[in-house]
Amino acid sequence: MAKVVVGKTAEIQEGKLEHITAGGKEILVTKLDGNYYAIDNICTHAGAELHEGELKNSELTCPWHGAKWDVKTGALISFPQKLKPLQSHKVVVENETLYVET
């Protein structure tokens, strides 16, 4: 697994959706209740970039067709079709720097 720098912890605001590209993979990063989470940024339905969606509590809504995902786990919460879950990535904080393992 590769460890990729996201940025300084102070740069990630509570509830804001950030995205990075790591090894050709799009990853969404957010902070909720002081904890950091990272999941794949591309919706498994039609390829929307999920960082353009809406986050309410831990529920992330896809901006294109409204699929709802748990940003903490990558699990599908609701959508008329069964979709593959999003991959969740381990987040590590070292010396105020945020890393995502891909």
N, C-alpha and C. Protein backbone atom coordinates (compact mmCIF):
# COMPACT_ATOMS: atom_id res chain seq x y z
N MET A 1 0.83 -1.18 0.00
CA MET A 1 0.00 0.00 0.00
C MET A 1 0.88 1.25 0.00
N ALA A 2 0.44 2.24 -0.74
CA ALA A 2 1.15 3.50 -0.79
C ALA A 2 0.49 4.49 0.16
N LYS A 3 1.30 5.31 0.79
CA LYS A 3 0.80 6.36 1.68
C LYS A 3 0.96 7.68 0.95
N VAL A 4 -0.17 8.38 0.73
CA VAL A 4 -0.18 9.61 -0.06
C VAL A 4 -0.54 10.79 0.83
N VAL A 5 0.21 11.88 0.70
CA VAL A 5 -0.07 13.09 1.48
C VAL A 5 -1.34 13.77 0.96
N VAL A 6 -2.25 14.07 1.88
CA VAL A 6 -3.45 14.83 1.55
C VAL A 6 -3.18 16.31 1.81
N GLY A 7 -2.54 16.60 2.93
CA GLY A 7 -2.24 17.98 3.32
C GLY A 7 -2.16 18.09 4.82
N LYS A 8 -2.10 19.30 5.30
CA LYS A 8 -2.08 19.55 6.74
C LYS A 8 -3.48 19.38 7.31
N THR A 9 -3.55 18.88 8.53
CA THR A 9 -4.86 18.65 9.14
C THR A 9 -5.68 19.93 9.24
N ALA A 10 -5.02 21.06 9.45
CA ALA A 10 -5.72 22.35 9.57
C ALA A 10 -6.38 22.76 8.25
N GLU A 11 -5.97 22.17 7.13
CA GLU A 11 -6.54 22.52 5.83
C GLU A 11 -7.85 21.80 5.53
N ILE A 12 -8.13 20.74 6.26
CA ILE A 12 -9.35 19.96 6.03
C ILE A 12 -10.41 20.44 7.02
N GLN A 13 -11.40 21.13 6.50
CA GLN A 13 -12.45 21.70 7.35
C GLN A 13 -13.55 20.68 7.62
N GLU A 14 -14.13 20.79 8.78
CA GLU A 14 -15.23 19.91 9.20
C GLU A 14 -16.36 19.92 8.17
N GLY A 15 -16.75 18.74 7.67
CA GLY A 15 -17.87 18.60 6.75
C GLY A 15 -17.60 18.99 5.32
N LYS A 16 -16.41 19.48 5.01
CA LYS A 16 -16.10 19.88 3.64
C LYS A 16 -15.57 18.67 2.87
N LEU A 17 -15.93 18.58 1.59
CA LEU A 17 -15.49 17.47 0.75
C LEU A 17 -14.27 17.89 -0.06
N GLU A 18 -13.17 17.18 0.14
CA GLU A 18 -11.92 17.43 -0.59
C GLU A 18 -11.66 16.22 -1.47
N HIS A 19 -10.89 16.42 -2.53
CA HIS A 19 -10.50 15.26 -3.32
C HIS A 19 -9.04 15.37 -3.73
N ILE A 20 -8.44 14.18 -3.85
CA ILE A 20 -7.06 14.09 -4.29
C ILE A 20 -6.98 13.00 -5.35
N THR A 21 -5.92 13.03 -6.13
CA THR A 21 -5.63 11.95 -7.06
C THR A 21 -4.37 11.26 -6.56
N ALA A 22 -4.46 9.96 -6.35
CA ALA A 22 -3.33 9.19 -5.84
C ALA A 22 -3.15 7.94 -6.69
N GLY A 23 -2.02 7.87 -7.40
CA GLY A 23 -1.76 6.70 -8.23
C GLY A 23 -2.83 6.49 -9.28
N GLY A 24 -3.35 7.58 -9.83
CA GLY A 24 -4.39 7.49 -10.85
C GLY A 24 -5.78 7.24 -10.29
N LYS A 25 -5.93 7.21 -8.98
CA LYS A 25 -7.21 6.95 -8.34
C LYS A 25 -7.73 8.22 -7.69
N GLU A 26 -9.01 8.52 -7.89
CA GLU A 26 -9.66 9.69 -7.29
C GLU A 26 -10.19 9.31 -5.91
N ILE A 27 -9.80 10.08 -4.90
CA ILE A 27 -10.20 9.79 -3.52
C ILE A 27 -10.82 11.03 -2.89
N LEU A 28 -11.93 10.83 -2.19
CA LEU A 28 -12.62 11.88 -1.46
C LEU A 28 -12.18 11.81 0.00
N VAL A 29 -11.86 12.96 0.59
CA VAL A 29 -11.44 13.04 1.98
C VAL A 29 -12.33 14.06 2.69
N THR A 30 -12.75 13.72 3.92
CA THR A 30 -13.54 14.64 4.71
C THR A 30 -13.24 14.47 6.18
N LYS A 31 -13.69 15.44 6.95
CA LYS A 31 -13.55 15.41 8.41
C LYS A 31 -14.94 15.52 9.01
N LEU A 32 -15.28 14.57 9.89
CA LEU A 32 -16.58 14.58 10.58
C LEU A 32 -16.35 14.33 12.06
N ASP A 33 -16.90 15.17 12.89
CA ASP A 33 -16.77 15.03 14.35
C ASP A 33 -15.31 14.86 14.77
N GLY A 34 -14.41 15.56 14.07
CA GLY A 34 -12.99 15.52 14.42
C GLY A 34 -12.23 14.34 13.87
N ASN A 35 -12.91 13.42 13.17
CA ASN A 35 -12.26 12.25 12.58
C ASN A 35 -12.19 12.41 11.07
N TYR A 36 -11.16 11.83 10.47
CA TYR A 36 -10.95 11.93 9.03
C TYR A 36 -11.37 10.62 8.34
N TYR A 37 -11.98 10.76 7.16
CA TYR A 37 -12.44 9.61 6.39
C TYR A 37 -12.05 9.79 4.93
N ALA A 38 -11.81 8.66 4.26
CA ALA A 38 -11.46 8.70 2.84
C ALA A 38 -12.13 7.52 2.13
N ILE A 39 -12.79 7.82 1.02
CA ILE A 39 -13.42 6.80 0.19
C ILE A 39 -13.16 7.14 -1.28
N ASP A 40 -13.43 6.18 -2.16
CA ASP A 40 -13.31 6.47 -3.59
C ASP A 40 -14.21 7.65 -3.93
N ASN A 41 -13.76 8.49 -4.84
CA ASN A 41 -14.48 9.71 -5.21
C ASN A 41 -15.42 9.52 -6.40
N ILE A 42 -15.38 8.38 -7.06
CA ILE A 42 -16.18 8.16 -8.27
C ILE A 42 -17.35 7.23 -7.97
N CYS A 43 -18.56 7.71 -8.25
CA CYS A 43 -19.78 6.92 -8.03
C CYS A 43 -19.76 5.67 -8.91
N THR A 44 -20.12 4.53 -8.33
CA THR A 44 -20.12 3.27 -9.07
C THR A 44 -21.34 3.12 -9.97
N HIS A 45 -22.24 4.09 -9.97
CA HIS A 45 -23.41 4.04 -10.85
C HIS A 45 -23.07 4.58 -12.23
N ALA A 46 -22.68 5.87 -12.31
CA ALA A 46 -22.46 6.49 -13.62
C ALA A 46 -21.19 7.34 -13.69
N GLY A 47 -20.33 7.22 -12.67
CA GLY A 47 -19.04 7.89 -12.73
C GLY A 47 -18.98 9.33 -12.27
N ALA A 48 -19.98 9.80 -11.54
CA ALA A 48 -19.96 11.18 -11.03
C ALA A 48 -18.84 11.35 -10.02
N GLU A 49 -18.32 12.57 -9.94
CA GLU A 49 -17.33 12.90 -8.93
C GLU A 49 -18.08 13.27 -7.64
N LEU A 50 -17.92 12.45 -6.64
CA LEU A 50 -18.74 12.58 -5.44
C LEU A 50 -18.39 13.80 -4.59
N HIS A 51 -17.20 14.36 -4.74
CA HIS A 51 -16.86 15.57 -3.95
C HIS A 51 -17.72 16.76 -4.38
N GLU A 52 -18.43 16.63 -5.51
CA GLU A 52 -19.35 17.67 -5.96
C GLU A 52 -20.75 17.45 -5.39
N GLY A 53 -20.92 16.38 -4.62
CA GLY A 53 -22.22 16.07 -4.02
C GLY A 53 -22.45 16.82 -2.73
N GLU A 54 -23.40 16.35 -1.96
CA GLU A 54 -23.79 17.00 -0.71
C GLU A 54 -23.59 16.03 0.45
N LEU A 55 -23.00 16.54 1.54
CA LEU A 55 -22.76 15.74 2.73
C LEU A 55 -23.65 16.25 3.86
N LYS A 56 -24.44 15.34 4.43
CA LYS A 56 -25.28 15.66 5.58
C LYS A 56 -25.04 14.58 6.61
N ASN A 57 -24.50 14.98 7.76
CA ASN A 57 -24.02 14.03 8.77
C ASN A 57 -22.98 13.15 8.08
N SER A 58 -23.16 11.84 8.02
CA SER A 58 -22.19 11.00 7.32
C SER A 58 -22.75 10.49 5.98
N GLU A 59 -23.88 11.05 5.55
CA GLU A 59 -24.53 10.62 4.31
C GLU A 59 -24.13 11.52 3.14
N LEU A 60 -23.48 10.93 2.18
CA LEU A 60 -23.01 11.64 0.99
C LEU A 60 -23.96 11.34 -0.17
N THR A 61 -24.51 12.38 -0.79
CA THR A 61 -25.44 12.21 -1.91
C THR A 61 -24.73 12.52 -3.21
N CYS A 62 -24.82 11.59 -4.17
CA CYS A 62 -24.21 11.76 -5.48
C CYS A 62 -24.90 12.93 -6.21
N PRO A 63 -24.09 13.80 -6.85
CA PRO A 63 -24.67 14.97 -7.50
C PRO A 63 -25.46 14.65 -8.78
N TRP A 64 -25.27 13.48 -9.36
CA TRP A 64 -25.96 13.18 -10.62
C TRP A 64 -27.31 12.51 -10.44
N HIS A 65 -27.36 11.39 -9.74
CA HIS A 65 -28.59 10.61 -9.67
C HIS A 65 -29.08 10.31 -8.26
N GLY A 66 -28.42 10.93 -7.26
CA GLY A 66 -28.93 10.85 -5.90
C GLY A 66 -28.61 9.61 -5.10
N ALA A 67 -27.69 8.77 -5.56
CA ALA A 67 -27.29 7.62 -4.73
C ALA A 67 -26.75 8.17 -3.42
N LYS A 68 -27.04 7.47 -2.33
CA LYS A 68 -26.59 7.91 -1.01
C LYS A 68 -25.58 6.90 -0.46
N TRP A 69 -24.45 7.43 0.01
CA TRP A 69 -23.33 6.62 0.49
C TRP A 69 -22.98 7.01 1.91
N ASP A 70 -22.49 6.05 2.69
CA ASP A 70 -21.95 6.33 4.01
C ASP A 70 -20.48 6.72 3.82
N VAL A 71 -20.15 7.99 4.09
CA VAL A 71 -18.80 8.48 3.84
C VAL A 71 -17.78 7.84 4.80
N LYS A 72 -18.25 7.27 5.90
CA LYS A 72 -17.34 6.63 6.86
C LYS A 72 -16.91 5.24 6.40
N THR A 73 -17.77 4.55 5.65
CA THR A 73 -17.49 3.16 5.29
C THR A 73 -17.47 2.89 3.79
N GLY A 74 -18.09 3.77 3.00
CA GLY A 74 -18.24 3.54 1.57
C GLY A 74 -19.45 2.69 1.21
N ALA A 75 -20.23 2.29 2.20
CA ALA A 75 -21.42 1.45 1.97
C ALA A 75 -22.54 2.27 1.31
N LEU A 76 -23.27 1.62 0.41
CA LEU A 76 -24.43 2.23 -0.21
C LEU A 76 -25.56 2.29 0.82
N ILE A 77 -26.15 3.47 0.99
CA ILE A 77 -27.27 3.63 1.91
C ILE A 77 -28.59 3.44 1.17
N SER A 78 -28.73 4.13 0.01
CA SER A 78 -29.97 3.97 -0.75
C SER A 78 -29.77 4.35 -2.21
N PHE A 79 -30.43 3.60 -3.07
CA PHE A 79 -30.50 3.84 -4.50
C PHE A 79 -31.41 2.76 -5.07
N PRO A 80 -32.18 3.04 -6.12
CA PRO A 80 -33.10 2.03 -6.65
C PRO A 80 -32.38 0.75 -7.13
N GLN A 81 -31.15 0.87 -7.60
CA GLN A 81 -30.39 -0.30 -8.04
C GLN A 81 -29.35 -0.65 -6.99
N LYS A 82 -28.94 -1.92 -6.98
CA LYS A 82 -27.84 -2.32 -6.10
C LYS A 82 -26.54 -1.90 -6.77
N LEU A 83 -25.71 -1.14 -6.06
CA LEU A 83 -24.43 -0.67 -6.59
C LEU A 83 -23.30 -1.24 -5.76
N LYS A 84 -22.14 -1.36 -6.38
CA LYS A 84 -20.95 -1.79 -5.65
C LYS A 84 -20.62 -0.73 -4.61
N PRO A 85 -20.15 -1.15 -3.42
CA PRO A 85 -19.74 -0.16 -2.43
C PRO A 85 -18.49 0.58 -2.90
N LEU A 86 -18.27 1.74 -2.32
CA LEU A 86 -17.06 2.50 -2.59
C LEU A 86 -15.95 1.98 -1.68
N GLN A 87 -14.74 1.95 -2.17
CA GLN A 87 -13.64 1.51 -1.34
C GLN A 87 -13.33 2.57 -0.29
N SER A 88 -13.19 2.13 0.94
CA SER A 88 -12.80 3.00 2.03
C SER A 88 -11.28 2.91 2.18
N HIS A 89 -10.64 4.02 2.51
CA HIS A 89 -9.18 4.06 2.63
C HIS A 89 -8.79 4.48 4.04
N LYS A 90 -7.75 3.87 4.56
CA LYS A 90 -7.25 4.21 5.88
C LYS A 90 -6.62 5.60 5.85
N VAL A 91 -6.94 6.39 6.87
CA VAL A 91 -6.39 7.74 7.01
C VAL A 91 -5.44 7.74 8.21
N VAL A 92 -4.26 8.31 8.02
CA VAL A 92 -3.25 8.37 9.07
C VAL A 92 -2.84 9.82 9.28
N VAL A 93 -2.72 10.23 10.54
CA VAL A 93 -2.24 11.57 10.87
C VAL A 93 -0.89 11.43 11.57
N GLU A 94 0.12 12.10 11.01
CA GLU A 94 1.45 12.12 11.60
C GLU A 94 1.96 13.55 11.58
N ASN A 95 2.29 14.09 12.75
CA ASN A 95 2.84 15.44 12.85
C ASN A 95 1.99 16.48 12.11
N GLU A 96 0.68 16.44 12.34
CA GLU A 96 -0.25 17.39 11.74
C GLU A 96 -0.38 17.26 10.21
N THR A 97 0.16 16.18 9.65
CA THR A 97 0.02 15.91 8.22
C THR A 97 -0.92 14.74 8.04
N LEU A 98 -1.84 14.86 7.10
CA LEU A 98 -2.85 13.85 6.82
C LEU A 98 -2.41 13.00 5.63
N TYR A 99 -2.46 11.68 5.79
CA TYR A 99 -2.09 10.74 4.73
C TYR A 99 -3.27 9.80 4.48
N VAL A 100 -3.38 9.32 3.25
CA VAL A 100 -4.36 8.29 2.90
C VAL A 100 -3.58 7.12 2.33
N GLU A 101 -3.94 5.91 2.79
CA GLU A 101 -3.31 4.71 2.27
C GLU A 101 -4.17 4.20 1.10
N THR A 102 -3.51 3.97 -0.04
CA THR A 102 -4.24 3.48 -1.21
C THR A 102 -3.82 2.08 -1.58
